[in-house]
């Protein structure tokens, strides 16, 4: 599942093709993805100007001149791909229609944005922009980890007294938005915190130190275009490459990369998900 850096990378890639431009034609090729598309979605999108593209957690939000906002979730295999324009010095011609091209947006200026999703776990919805924060997919999400609300005092207060493992706590979208399995493993490895430790038993100073580490890891991942493991692609179709900088995730049996550590990365399972950590330096 794409996490915050992957979604932010896609959002940034879409800005030149979409922001400030009219959707001249919207084509919807099926009635649903993970849940049904809104009524008359193609008609409501056609003729609307995209006023701005923003991200909330793992969702891309396109604010429209009609007073509505298009919500996009990539799911496990969803891709927002751009064609018909020059990106990074290369011209991407419109490809032939593909089997899993579920929504196609022809933009003012000649760009085409195609939502392709082989597994159909992605989602799109339309909502009133003024009520976007109350949308059922967004209303319970915590603060953005790169925003001002996510600071040391906030995290210390939210983890205080919690008996859940710290990894599970950081994956809770009600506590902080957008963090997923990959980046929590990376954060805890850099912080040298055992992912199994109860969140409420970690010293406040160590909890506070997580905040700049979270921001650093996410910033590096965004700069690298995200992590491409299976299905993820950037909006220009290219792979992200942060996976080459992983210190913990998917490195079981390899040497820990933390300074002065001679340990070996181990894989365990927590709540049905793989956790990668170093038992020698993560305490």
C-alpha atoms as a PDB file:
ATOM      1  CA  UNK A   1       0.000   0.000   0.000  1.00  0.00           C
ATOM      2  CA  UNK A   2       1.527   3.367  -0.970  1.00  0.00           C
ATOM      3  CA  UNK A   3       2.352   5.424   2.107  1.00  0.00           C
ATOM      4  CA  UNK A   4       2.674   9.182   2.571  1.00  0.00           C
ATOM      5  CA  UNK A   5       5.884   9.668   0.525  1.00  0.00           C
ATOM      6  CA  UNK A   6       4.510   7.755  -2.454  1.00  0.00           C
ATOM      7  CA  UNK A   7       1.209   9.645  -2.413  1.00  0.00           C
ATOM      8  CA  UNK A   8       2.957  13.005  -2.015  1.00  0.00           C
ATOM      9  CA  UNK A   9       5.256  12.147  -4.926  1.00  0.00           C
ATOM     10  CA  UNK A  10       2.255  11.350  -7.125  1.00  0.00           C
ATOM     11  CA  UNK A  11       0.528  14.582  -6.059  1.00  0.00           C
ATOM     12  CA  UNK A  12       3.568  16.642  -6.991  1.00  0.00           C
ATOM     13  CA  UNK A  13       3.795  14.875 -10.327  1.00  0.00           C
ATOM     14  CA  UNK A  14       0.164  15.682 -11.123  1.00  0.00           C
ATOM     15  CA  UNK A  15       0.419  19.405 -10.350  1.00  0.00           C
ATOM     16  CA  UNK A  16       1.874  20.543 -13.717  1.00  0.00           C
ATOM     17  CA  UNK A  17      -0.736  18.598 -15.690  1.00  0.00           C
ATOM     18  CA  UNK A  18      -3.797  19.356 -13.560  1.00  0.00           C
ATOM     19  CA  UNK A  19      -3.503  22.384 -11.303  1.00  0.00           C
ATOM     20  CA  UNK A  20      -5.206  25.429 -12.779  1.00  0.00           C
ATOM     21  CA  UNK A  21      -6.462  23.452 -15.778  1.00  0.00           C
ATOM     22  CA  UNK A  22      -9.949  22.443 -16.881  1.00  0.00           C
ATOM     23  CA  UNK A  23     -10.965  18.791 -17.102  1.00  0.00           C
ATOM     24  CA  UNK A  24     -12.186  18.915 -20.696  1.00  0.00           C
ATOM     25  CA  UNK A  25     -13.476  15.350 -20.699  1.00  0.00           C
ATOM     26  CA  UNK A  26     -13.856  12.760 -17.956  1.00  0.00           C
ATOM     27  CA  UNK A  27     -14.371   9.120 -18.842  1.00  0.00           C
ATOM     28  CA  UNK A  28     -15.455   6.574 -16.217  1.00  0.00           C
ATOM     29  CA  UNK A  29     -15.182   3.000 -17.464  1.00  0.00           C
ATOM     30  CA  UNK A  30     -16.752   1.029 -14.627  1.00  0.00           C
ATOM     31  CA  UNK A  31     -19.261   1.674 -11.825  1.00  0.00           C
ATOM     32  CA  UNK A  32     -16.921   1.160  -8.882  1.00  0.00           C
ATOM     33  CA  UNK A  33     -13.529   0.395  -7.428  1.00  0.00           C
ATOM     34  CA  UNK A  34     -13.308  -0.435  -3.729  1.00  0.00           C
ATOM     35  CA  UNK A  35     -16.740   1.177  -3.404  1.00  0.00           C
ATOM     36  CA  UNK A  36     -19.126   2.684  -5.980  1.00  0.00           C
ATOM     37  CA  UNK A  37     -18.196   5.863  -7.772  1.00  0.00           C
ATOM     38  CA  UNK A  38     -20.439   8.864  -6.976  1.00  0.00           C
ATOM     39  CA  UNK A  39     -23.460   9.470  -9.180  1.00  0.00           C
ATOM     40  CA  UNK A  40     -22.769  11.227 -12.490  1.00  0.00           C
ATOM     41  CA  UNK A  41     -19.080  11.386 -11.703  1.00  0.00           C
ATOM     42  CA  UNK A  42     -17.983  11.898 -15.312  1.00  0.00           C
ATOM     43  CA  UNK A  43     -20.480  14.722 -15.815  1.00  0.00           C
ATOM     44  CA  UNK A  44     -19.583  16.424 -12.562  1.00  0.00           C
ATOM     45  CA  UNK A  45     -15.889  16.389 -13.426  1.00  0.00           C
ATOM     46  CA  UNK A  46     -16.183  17.456 -17.051  1.00  0.00           C
ATOM     47  CA  UNK A  47     -15.768  21.222 -17.384  1.00  0.00           C
ATOM     48  CA  UNK A  48     -14.471  21.699 -13.828  1.00  0.00           C
ATOM     49  CA  UNK A  49     -11.223  23.562 -13.269  1.00  0.00           C
ATOM     50  CA  UNK A  50      -8.737  22.077 -10.799  1.00  0.00           C
ATOM     51  CA  UNK A  51      -8.028  24.919  -8.383  1.00  0.00           C
ATOM     52  CA  UNK A  52      -5.455  23.011  -6.348  1.00  0.00           C
ATOM     53  CA  UNK A  53      -4.069  19.601  -5.509  1.00  0.00           C
ATOM     54  CA  UNK A  54      -3.379  18.721  -1.903  1.00  0.00           C
ATOM     55  CA  UNK A  55      -2.766  15.612   0.162  1.00  0.00           C
ATOM     56  CA  UNK A  56      -4.394  14.433   3.379  1.00  0.00           C
ATOM     57  CA  UNK A  57      -2.710  11.354   4.814  1.00  0.00           C
ATOM     58  CA  UNK A  58      -2.683   8.809   1.951  1.00  0.00           C
ATOM     59  CA  UNK A  59      -5.385  10.611  -0.060  1.00  0.00           C
ATOM     60  CA  UNK A  60      -4.975  13.059  -2.955  1.00  0.00           C
ATOM     61  CA  UNK A  61      -7.569  15.846  -2.968  1.00  0.00           C
ATOM     62  CA  UNK A  62      -8.317  17.913  -6.067  1.00  0.00           C
ATOM     63  CA  UNK A  63     -10.334  21.053  -5.236  1.00  0.00           C
ATOM     64  CA  UNK A  64     -12.578  21.984  -8.165  1.00  0.00           C
ATOM     65  CA  UNK A  65     -14.160  25.220  -9.383  1.00  0.00           C
ATOM     66  CA  UNK A  66     -17.589  23.596  -8.924  1.00  0.00           C
ATOM     67  CA  UNK A  67     -17.235  23.674  -5.140  1.00  0.00           C
ATOM     68  CA  UNK A  68     -16.543  19.962  -5.016  1.00  0.00           C
ATOM     69  CA  UNK A  69     -13.366  18.059  -4.215  1.00  0.00           C
ATOM     70  CA  UNK A  70     -12.253  14.869  -5.936  1.00  0.00           C
ATOM     71  CA  UNK A  71     -10.777  12.369  -3.487  1.00  0.00           C
ATOM     72  CA  UNK A  72      -8.353   9.755  -4.818  1.00  0.00           C
ATOM     73  CA  UNK A  73      -6.932   6.772  -2.960  1.00  0.00           C
ATOM     74  CA  UNK A  74      -4.420   4.616  -4.818  1.00  0.00           C
ATOM     75  CA  UNK A  75      -5.117   1.415  -2.912  1.00  0.00           C
ATOM     76  CA  UNK A  76      -2.581  -1.373  -3.398  1.00  0.00           C
ATOM     77  CA  UNK A  77      -1.988  -1.121  -7.136  1.00  0.00           C
ATOM     78  CA  UNK A  78      -3.558   2.164  -8.275  1.00  0.00           C
ATOM     79  CA  UNK A  79      -1.554   4.469 -10.525  1.00  0.00           C
ATOM     80  CA  UNK A  80      -2.219   8.029 -11.664  1.00  0.00           C
ATOM     81  CA  UNK A  81      -0.297   8.237 -14.926  1.00  0.00           C
ATOM     82  CA  UNK A  82       0.242  11.296 -17.126  1.00  0.00           C
ATOM     83  CA  UNK A  83       0.570  11.221 -20.901  1.00  0.00           C
ATOM     84  CA  UNK A  84       0.470  13.722 -23.760  1.00  0.00           C
ATOM     85  CA  UNK A  85       2.929  16.164 -22.188  1.00  0.00           C
ATOM     86  CA  UNK A  86       6.669  16.508 -21.687  1.00  0.00           C
ATOM     87  CA  UNK A  87       7.839  15.434 -18.227  1.00  0.00           C
ATOM     88  CA  UNK A  88      11.461  15.602 -17.149  1.00  0.00           C
ATOM     89  CA  UNK A  89      12.618  16.263 -20.709  1.00  0.00           C
ATOM     90  CA  UNK A  90      10.772  13.286 -22.202  1.00  0.00           C
ATOM     91  CA  UNK A  91       7.506  13.364 -24.115  1.00  0.00           C
ATOM     92  CA  UNK A  92       5.009  10.760 -22.936  1.00  0.00           C
ATOM     93  CA  UNK A  93       2.577  10.021 -25.775  1.00  0.00           C
ATOM     94  CA  UNK A  94      -0.923   8.789 -25.017  1.00  0.00           C
ATOM     95  CA  UNK A  95      -0.758   4.992 -24.699  1.00  0.00           C
ATOM     96  CA  UNK A  96      -3.383   2.677 -26.110  1.00  0.00           C
ATOM     97  CA  UNK A  97      -6.271   2.108 -23.665  1.00  0.00           C
ATOM     98  CA  UNK A  98      -5.412  -0.600 -21.151  1.00  0.00           C
ATOM     99  CA  UNK A  99      -7.660  -3.127 -19.458  1.00  0.00           C
ATOM    100  CA  UNK A 100      -7.510  -1.513 -16.043  1.00  0.00           C
ATOM    101  CA  UNK A 101      -7.795   2.162 -17.086  1.00  0.00           C
ATOM    102  CA  UNK A 102     -10.865   2.880 -14.951  1.00  0.00           C
ATOM    103  CA  UNK A 103     -10.959   6.701 -15.019  1.00  0.00           C
ATOM    104  CA  UNK A 104      -9.452   8.917 -17.723  1.00  0.00           C
ATOM    105  CA  UNK A 105      -9.233  12.721 -17.455  1.00  0.00           C
ATOM    106  CA  UNK A 106      -8.376  14.718 -20.574  1.00  0.00           C
ATOM    107  CA  UNK A 107      -7.013  18.022 -19.357  1.00  0.00           C
ATOM    108  CA  UNK A 108      -6.817  21.474 -20.894  1.00  0.00           C
ATOM    109  CA  UNK A 109      -3.410  21.747 -22.534  1.00  0.00           C
ATOM    110  CA  UNK A 110      -3.323  18.208 -23.905  1.00  0.00           C
ATOM    111  CA  UNK A 111      -2.392  16.163 -20.854  1.00  0.00           C
ATOM    112  CA  UNK A 112      -4.246  12.989 -20.030  1.00  0.00           C
ATOM    113  CA  UNK A 113      -4.400  11.624 -16.478  1.00  0.00           C
ATOM    114  CA  UNK A 114      -5.314   7.953 -16.251  1.00  0.00           C
ATOM    115  CA  UNK A 115      -6.243   6.090 -13.078  1.00  0.00           C
ATOM    116  CA  UNK A 116      -5.194   2.478 -13.636  1.00  0.00           C
ATOM    117  CA  UNK A 117      -5.843  -0.066 -10.896  1.00  0.00           C
ATOM    118  CA  UNK A 118      -5.450  -3.775 -11.602  1.00  0.00           C
ATOM    119  CA  UNK A 119      -6.623  -4.961  -8.173  1.00  0.00           C
ATOM    120  CA  UNK A 120      -9.370  -2.349  -7.818  1.00  0.00           C
ATOM    121  CA  UNK A 121      -8.602  -1.601  -4.157  1.00  0.00           C
ATOM    122  CA  UNK A 122      -8.327   2.107  -4.944  1.00  0.00           C
ATOM    123  CA  UNK A 123     -11.131   4.617  -4.539  1.00  0.00           C
ATOM    124  CA  UNK A 124     -12.522   7.889  -5.872  1.00  0.00           C
ATOM    125  CA  UNK A 125     -15.229  10.077  -4.435  1.00  0.00           C
ATOM    126  CA  UNK A 126     -16.664  13.582  -4.825  1.00  0.00           C
ATOM    127  CA  UNK A 127     -17.632  15.756  -1.869  1.00  0.00           C
ATOM    128  CA  UNK A 128     -18.415  19.358  -1.072  1.00  0.00           C
ATOM    129  CA  UNK A 129     -15.086  21.138  -0.585  1.00  0.00           C
ATOM    130  CA  UNK A 130     -16.382  23.023   2.449  1.00  0.00           C
ATOM    131  CA  UNK A 131     -17.221  19.724   4.126  1.00  0.00           C
ATOM    132  CA  UNK A 132     -14.148  17.747   3.069  1.00  0.00           C
ATOM    133  CA  UNK A 133     -12.728  17.500   6.580  1.00  0.00           C
ATOM    134  CA  UNK A 134     -15.896  15.692   7.664  1.00  0.00           C
ATOM    135  CA  UNK A 135     -15.791  13.081   4.900  1.00  0.00           C
ATOM    136  CA  UNK A 136     -16.030   9.599   6.403  1.00  0.00           C
ATOM    137  CA  UNK A 137     -12.579   8.657   5.108  1.00  0.00           C
ATOM    138  CA  UNK A 138     -10.900  11.793   6.501  1.00  0.00           C
ATOM    139  CA  UNK A 139     -12.653  12.933   9.658  1.00  0.00           C
ATOM    140  CA  UNK A 140     -10.823  10.696  12.164  1.00  0.00           C
ATOM    141  CA  UNK A 141      -7.315  11.089  10.752  1.00  0.00           C
ATOM    142  CA  UNK A 142      -4.656  12.560  13.020  1.00  0.00           C
ATOM    143  CA  UNK A 143      -2.265  15.437  12.275  1.00  0.00           C
ATOM    144  CA  UNK A 144       0.113  15.398   9.333  1.00  0.00           C
ATOM    145  CA  UNK A 145       3.601  14.290  10.409  1.00  0.00           C
ATOM    146  CA  UNK A 146       5.189  17.101   8.386  1.00  0.00           C
ATOM    147  CA  UNK A 147       2.834  19.732   9.816  1.00  0.00           C
ATOM    148  CA  UNK A 148       3.084  21.962  12.870  1.00  0.00           C
ATOM    149  CA  UNK A 149       0.447  20.070  14.904  1.00  0.00           C
ATOM    150  CA  UNK A 150       2.686  17.002  15.031  1.00  0.00           C
ATOM    151  CA  UNK A 151       5.299  18.080  17.541  1.00  0.00           C
ATOM    152  CA  UNK A 152       7.157  16.622  20.517  1.00  0.00           C
ATOM    153  CA  UNK A 153       4.571  17.634  23.122  1.00  0.00           C
ATOM    154  CA  UNK A 154       1.742  16.154  21.050  1.00  0.00           C
ATOM    155  CA  UNK A 155       3.428  12.772  20.541  1.00  0.00           C
ATOM    156  CA  UNK A 156       4.545  12.457  24.169  1.00  0.00           C
ATOM    157  CA  UNK A 157       0.994  13.177  25.349  1.00  0.00           C
ATOM    158  CA  UNK A 158      -0.615  10.755  22.886  1.00  0.00           C
ATOM    159  CA  UNK A 159       1.715   7.845  23.697  1.00  0.00           C
ATOM    160  CA  UNK A 160       1.636   8.342  27.452  1.00  0.00           C
ATOM    161  CA  UNK A 161       0.068   5.361  29.189  1.00  0.00           C
ATOM    162  CA  UNK A 162      -0.556   3.375  25.991  1.00  0.00           C
ATOM    163  CA  UNK A 163      -0.055  -0.355  26.387  1.00  0.00           C
ATOM    164  CA  UNK A 164       0.081  -1.133  22.671  1.00  0.00           C
ATOM    165  CA  UNK A 165       3.455  -1.777  21.000  1.00  0.00           C
ATOM    166  CA  UNK A 166       5.022   1.437  19.760  1.00  0.00           C
ATOM    167  CA  UNK A 167       4.942   0.229  16.168  1.00  0.00           C
ATOM    168  CA  UNK A 168       1.183  -0.341  16.343  1.00  0.00           C
ATOM    169  CA  UNK A 169       0.719   3.085  17.937  1.00  0.00           C
ATOM    170  CA  UNK A 170       2.580   4.869  15.136  1.00  0.00           C
ATOM    171  CA  UNK A 171       0.557   2.979  12.524  1.00  0.00           C
ATOM    172  CA  UNK A 172      -2.681   4.260  14.073  1.00  0.00           C
ATOM    173  CA  UNK A 173      -3.964   6.842  11.579  1.00  0.00           C
ATOM    174  CA  UNK A 174      -5.928   8.518  14.370  1.00  0.00           C
ATOM    175  CA  UNK A 175      -2.642   9.369  16.063  1.00  0.00           C
ATOM    176  CA  UNK A 176      -0.635  10.503  13.030  1.00  0.00           C
ATOM    177  CA  UNK A 177      -1.563  10.585   9.346  1.00  0.00           C
ATOM    178  CA  UNK A 178       0.054   8.669   6.543  1.00  0.00           C
ATOM    179  CA  UNK A 179       2.632   6.498   8.298  1.00  0.00           C
ATOM    180  CA  UNK A 180       2.679   2.887   7.131  1.00  0.00           C
ATOM    181  CA  UNK A 181       4.607  -0.292   7.744  1.00  0.00           C
ATOM    182  CA  UNK A 182       7.713   0.594   5.742  1.00  0.00           C
ATOM    183  CA  UNK A 183       8.414   3.993   7.241  1.00  0.00           C
ATOM    184  CA  UNK A 184       7.562   3.070  10.826  1.00  0.00           C
ATOM    185  CA  UNK A 185      10.128   0.258  10.603  1.00  0.00           C
ATOM    186  CA  UNK A 186      12.673   2.756   9.290  1.00  0.00           C
ATOM    187  CA  UNK A 187      11.871   5.367  11.948  1.00  0.00           C
ATOM    188  CA  UNK A 188      12.131   2.938  14.857  1.00  0.00           C
ATOM    189  CA  UNK A 189      15.405   1.549  13.544  1.00  0.00           C
ATOM    190  CA  UNK A 190      16.954   5.023  13.355  1.00  0.00           C
ATOM    191  CA  UNK A 191      15.584   5.819  16.813  1.00  0.00           C
ATOM    192  CA  UNK A 192      16.945   2.479  18.106  1.00  0.00           C
ATOM    193  CA  UNK A 193      13.595   1.643  19.691  1.00  0.00           C
ATOM    194  CA  UNK A 194      12.350  -1.943  19.824  1.00  0.00           C
ATOM    195  CA  UNK A 195       9.050  -2.059  17.863  1.00  0.00           C
ATOM    196  CA  UNK A 196       7.603  -4.437  20.470  1.00  0.00           C
ATOM    197  CA  UNK A 197       8.027  -2.050  23.404  1.00  0.00           C
ATOM    198  CA  UNK A 198       4.864  -0.718  24.949  1.00  0.00           C
ATOM    199  CA  UNK A 199       4.449   2.853  23.769  1.00  0.00           C
ATOM    200  CA  UNK A 200       3.654   4.165  27.243  1.00  0.00           C
ATOM    201  CA  UNK A 201       6.837   2.711  28.731  1.00  0.00           C
ATOM    202  CA  UNK A 202       9.242   4.615  26.494  1.00  0.00           C
ATOM    203  CA  UNK A 203      10.900   7.622  28.131  1.00  0.00           C
ATOM    204  CA  UNK A 204       9.426  10.965  27.107  1.00  0.00           C
ATOM    205  CA  UNK A 205      12.772  12.172  25.750  1.00  0.00           C
ATOM    206  CA  UNK A 206      13.001   9.181  23.414  1.00  0.00           C
ATOM    207  CA  UNK A 207       9.406   9.665  22.266  1.00  0.00           C
ATOM    208  CA  UNK A 208      10.072  13.347  21.585  1.00  0.00           C
ATOM    209  CA  UNK A 209      13.138  12.397  19.539  1.00  0.00           C
ATOM    210  CA  UNK A 210      10.900  10.379  17.215  1.00  0.00           C
ATOM    211  CA  UNK A 211       9.357  13.543  15.748  1.00  0.00           C
ATOM    212  CA  UNK A 212      12.430  14.858  13.872  1.00  0.00           C
ATOM    213  CA  UNK A 213      13.297  11.306  12.818  1.00  0.00           C
ATOM    214  CA  UNK A 214       9.821  10.826  11.327  1.00  0.00           C
ATOM    215  CA  UNK A 215      10.187  14.073   9.410  1.00  0.00           C
ATOM    216  CA  UNK A 216      13.673  13.206   8.219  1.00  0.00           C
ATOM    217  CA  UNK A 217      12.729   9.736   6.965  1.00  0.00           C
ATOM    218  CA  UNK A 218       9.627  11.018   5.174  1.00  0.00           C
ATOM    219  CA  UNK A 219      11.526  13.935   3.651  1.00  0.00           C
ATOM    220  CA  UNK A 220      14.260  11.658   2.326  1.00  0.00           C
ATOM    221  CA  UNK A 221      11.681   9.259   0.903  1.00  0.00           C
ATOM    222  CA  UNK A 222       9.778  12.051  -0.864  1.00  0.00           C
ATOM    223  CA  UNK A 223      13.030  13.362  -2.325  1.00  0.00           C
ATOM    224  CA  UNK A 224      13.737   9.839  -3.644  1.00  0.00           C
ATOM    225  CA  UNK A 225      10.301   9.565  -5.235  1.00  0.00           C
ATOM    226  CA  UNK A 226       9.013   7.047  -2.696  1.00  0.00           C
ATOM    227  CA  UNK A 227       9.690   3.332  -2.450  1.00  0.00           C
ATOM    228  CA  UNK A 228       8.874   1.003  -5.351  1.00  0.00           C
ATOM    229  CA  UNK A 229       8.481  -2.588  -4.177  1.00  0.00           C
ATOM    230  CA  UNK A 230       5.720  -4.046  -6.364  1.00  0.00           C
ATOM    231  CA  UNK A 231       3.092  -1.878  -8.023  1.00  0.00           C
ATOM    232  CA  UNK A 232       3.977   1.714  -7.145  1.00  0.00           C
ATOM    233  CA  UNK A 233       4.973   4.125  -9.923  1.00  0.00           C
ATOM    234  CA  UNK A 234       5.340   7.902  -9.979  1.00  0.00           C
ATOM    235  CA  UNK A 235       2.965   9.942 -12.135  1.00  0.00           C
ATOM    236  CA  UNK A 236       5.434   9.838 -15.037  1.00  0.00           C
ATOM    237  CA  UNK A 237       5.586   6.043 -14.809  1.00  0.00           C
ATOM    238  CA  UNK A 238       9.049   5.975 -13.223  1.00  0.00           C
ATOM    239  CA  UNK A 239       9.990   3.975 -10.147  1.00  0.00           C
ATOM    240  CA  UNK A 240      10.822   5.540  -6.800  1.00  0.00           C
ATOM    241  CA  UNK A 241      14.180   4.517  -5.347  1.00  0.00           C
ATOM    242  CA  UNK A 242      14.083   5.057  -1.559  1.00  0.00           C
ATOM    243  CA  UNK A 243      14.033   1.256  -1.151  1.00  0.00           C
ATOM    244  CA  UNK A 244      17.762   1.337  -1.920  1.00  0.00           C
ATOM    245  CA  UNK A 245      18.268   3.381   1.259  1.00  0.00           C
ATOM    246  CA  UNK A 246      16.304   1.104   3.596  1.00  0.00           C
ATOM    247  CA  UNK A 247      18.096   0.478   6.870  1.00  0.00           C
ATOM    248  CA  UNK A 248      15.633  -2.081   8.217  1.00  0.00           C
ATOM    249  CA  UNK A 249      12.633  -2.824   6.029  1.00  0.00           C
ATOM    250  CA  UNK A 250      12.958  -5.980   3.891  1.00  0.00           C
ATOM    251  CA  UNK A 251      16.581  -6.493   5.013  1.00  0.00           C
ATOM    252  CA  UNK A 252      16.224  -9.597   7.209  1.00  0.00           C
ATOM    253  CA  UNK A 253      19.559 -11.359   7.637  1.00  0.00           C
ATOM    254  CA  UNK A 254      21.576  -8.316   6.568  1.00  0.00           C
ATOM    255  CA  UNK A 255      23.841  -6.162   8.712  1.00  0.00           C
ATOM    256  CA  UNK A 256      22.333  -3.269  10.636  1.00  0.00           C
ATOM    257  CA  UNK A 257      23.418   0.048   9.163  1.00  0.00           C
ATOM    258  CA  UNK A 258      23.300   2.053  12.373  1.00  0.00           C
ATOM    259  CA  UNK A 259      26.617   3.498  13.517  1.00  0.00           C
ATOM    260  CA  UNK A 260      28.648   1.274  15.869  1.00  0.00           C
ATOM    261  CA  UNK A 261      26.131  -1.572  15.585  1.00  0.00           C
ATOM    262  CA  UNK A 262      27.259  -5.083  14.621  1.00  0.00           C
ATOM    263  CA  UNK A 263      23.769  -6.591  14.760  1.00  0.00           C
ATOM    264  CA  UNK A 264      21.710  -8.271  12.075  1.00  0.00           C
ATOM    265  CA  UNK A 265      18.238  -7.217  10.929  1.00  0.00           C
ATOM    266  CA  UNK A 266      15.529  -9.673  11.979  1.00  0.00           C
ATOM    267  CA  UNK A 267      11.984 -10.148  10.688  1.00  0.00           C
ATOM    268  CA  UNK A 268       9.100 -10.821  13.068  1.00  0.00           C
ATOM    269  CA  UNK A 269       5.336 -10.653  12.626  1.00  0.00           C
ATOM    270  CA  UNK A 270       3.211  -8.137  14.527  1.00  0.00           C
ATOM    271  CA  UNK A 271      -0.555  -8.077  14.031  1.00  0.00           C
ATOM    272  CA  UNK A 272      -0.154 -10.071  10.836  1.00  0.00           C
ATOM    273  CA  UNK A 273       2.410  -7.694   9.329  1.00  0.00           C
ATOM    274  CA  UNK A 274       6.147  -8.002   8.859  1.00  0.00           C
ATOM    275  CA  UNK A 275       8.347  -5.993  11.185  1.00  0.00           C
ATOM    276  CA  UNK A 276      12.054  -5.552  10.511  1.00  0.00           C
ATOM    277  CA  UNK A 277      14.345  -4.424  13.321  1.00  0.00           C
ATOM    278  CA  UNK A 278      17.776  -4.906  14.856  1.00  0.00           C
ATOM    279  CA  UNK A 279      17.677  -6.785  18.193  1.00  0.00           C
ATOM    280  CA  UNK A 280      21.202  -5.604  19.001  1.00  0.00           C
ATOM    281  CA  UNK A 281      20.631  -1.831  18.990  1.00  0.00           C
ATOM    282  CA  UNK A 282      16.862  -1.360  19.144  1.00  0.00           C
ATOM    283  CA  UNK A 283      15.897  -1.383  22.818  1.00  0.00           C
END
